[in-house]
Amino acid sequence: MPLPFPHCSLITLSWRCADRWRSDINALILDYLTMEGYPKAAAKFCKEANLQPQQPDLSIQTRQDIQHAIHSGNIETAISALNGLDPEV
């Protein structure tokens, strides 16, 4: 079976696939850290994986504060913070 890129060796193609796979995994990890409210870990991971941050630290911290308010039963505080973050929600 011919290679899809005749000028590339099988090893080169394997490295390209590995790099793409690694990139996808890194993006998934960064997304998890960001969405679950770990701003310091997300920032450190960005530096180590040479990625751009997905969201500003303030946005991540605000999301974490909203989650904490909900878990603590402070629904009015959570609604107020949520309206400040995104009034259309």
Protein backbone atom coordinates (compact mmCIF):
# COMPACT_ATOMS: atom_id res chain seq x y z
CA MET A 1 0.00 0.00 0.00
CA PRO A 2 1.54 3.37 -0.98
CA LEU A 3 2.09 6.04 1.65
CA PRO A 4 -0.23 9.07 1.50
CA PHE A 5 2.81 11.35 1.24
CA PRO A 6 5.37 9.68 -1.06
CA HIS A 7 8.19 12.01 0.05
CA CYS A 8 7.70 11.07 3.75
CA SER A 9 8.87 7.94 5.46
CA LEU A 10 6.65 5.86 7.69
CA ILE A 11 8.61 7.10 10.71
CA THR A 12 7.95 10.72 9.77
CA LEU A 13 4.23 10.01 9.45
CA SER A 14 4.25 8.25 12.82
CA TRP A 15 5.85 11.31 14.44
CA ARG A 16 3.23 13.58 12.87
CA CYS A 17 0.46 11.39 14.26
CA ALA A 18 2.12 11.29 17.67
CA ASP A 19 2.51 15.08 17.72
CA ARG A 20 -1.13 15.57 16.77
CA TRP A 21 -2.25 13.04 19.40
CA ARG A 22 -0.10 14.74 22.06
CA SER A 23 -1.51 18.12 21.05
CA ASP A 24 -5.09 16.82 21.35
CA ILE A 25 -4.40 15.32 24.77
CA ASN A 26 -2.78 18.55 25.98
CA ALA A 27 -5.79 20.57 24.80
CA LEU A 28 -8.13 18.16 26.59
CA ILE A 29 -6.15 18.43 29.84
CA LEU A 30 -6.08 22.23 29.61
CA ASP A 31 -9.83 22.30 28.97
CA TYR A 32 -10.45 20.14 32.04
CA LEU A 33 -8.26 22.28 34.29
CA THR A 34 -9.92 25.45 33.01
CA MET A 35 -13.52 24.26 33.26
CA GLU A 36 -13.12 22.63 36.67
CA GLY A 37 -11.69 25.79 38.20
CA TYR A 38 -7.98 25.13 38.60
CA PRO A 39 -6.54 28.42 37.32
CA LYS A 40 -3.06 28.01 38.80
CA ALA A 41 -2.71 24.46 37.47
CA ALA A 42 -4.03 25.56 34.05
CA ALA A 43 -1.51 28.42 33.89
CA LYS A 44 1.38 26.16 34.89
CA PHE A 45 0.28 23.48 32.40
CA CYS A 46 0.13 26.10 29.62
CA LYS A 47 3.74 27.01 30.27
CA GLU A 48 4.91 23.40 30.45
CA ALA A 49 2.97 22.29 27.34
CA ASN A 50 3.72 25.52 25.43
CA LEU A 51 0.00 26.33 24.99
CA GLN A 52 -1.95 29.56 24.99
CA PRO A 53 -4.38 30.02 27.90
CA GLN A 54 -8.00 29.42 26.93
CA GLN A 55 -9.47 32.03 29.26
CA PRO A 56 -8.14 34.78 31.50
CA ASP A 57 -7.42 33.81 35.10
CA LEU A 58 -10.13 36.21 36.30
CA SER A 59 -12.79 34.35 34.33
CA ILE A 60 -11.67 31.02 35.78
CA GLN A 61 -11.61 32.46 39.31
CA THR A 62 -15.10 33.94 38.85
CA ARG A 63 -16.44 30.57 37.70
CA GLN A 64 -14.86 28.95 40.75
CA ASP A 65 -16.44 31.58 43.04
CA ILE A 66 -19.87 30.92 41.48
CA GLN A 67 -19.51 27.18 42.03
CA HIS A 68 -18.47 27.75 45.64
CA ALA A 69 -21.45 30.06 46.24
CA ILE A 70 -23.85 27.46 44.84
CA HIS A 71 -22.35 24.66 46.92
CA SER A 72 -22.56 26.87 50.01
CA GLY A 73 -26.23 27.65 49.38
CA ASN A 74 -25.63 31.33 48.54
CA ILE A 75 -27.79 31.29 45.43
CA GLU A 76 -28.31 35.07 45.31
CA THR A 77 -24.55 35.63 45.39
CA ALA A 78 -24.09 33.04 42.64
CA ILE A 79 -26.79 34.66 40.46
CA SER A 80 -25.27 38.09 40.96
CA ALA A 81 -21.79 36.86 40.06
CA LEU A 82 -23.14 34.94 37.07
CA ASN A 83 -24.96 38.04 35.79
CA GLY A 84 -21.71 39.98 36.14
CA LEU A 85 -19.83 37.34 34.16
CA ASP A 86 -22.44 36.85 31.42
CA PRO A 87 -25.67 38.87 31.66
CA GLU A 88 -27.37 36.88 28.90
CA VAL A 89 -27.32 33.62 30.86
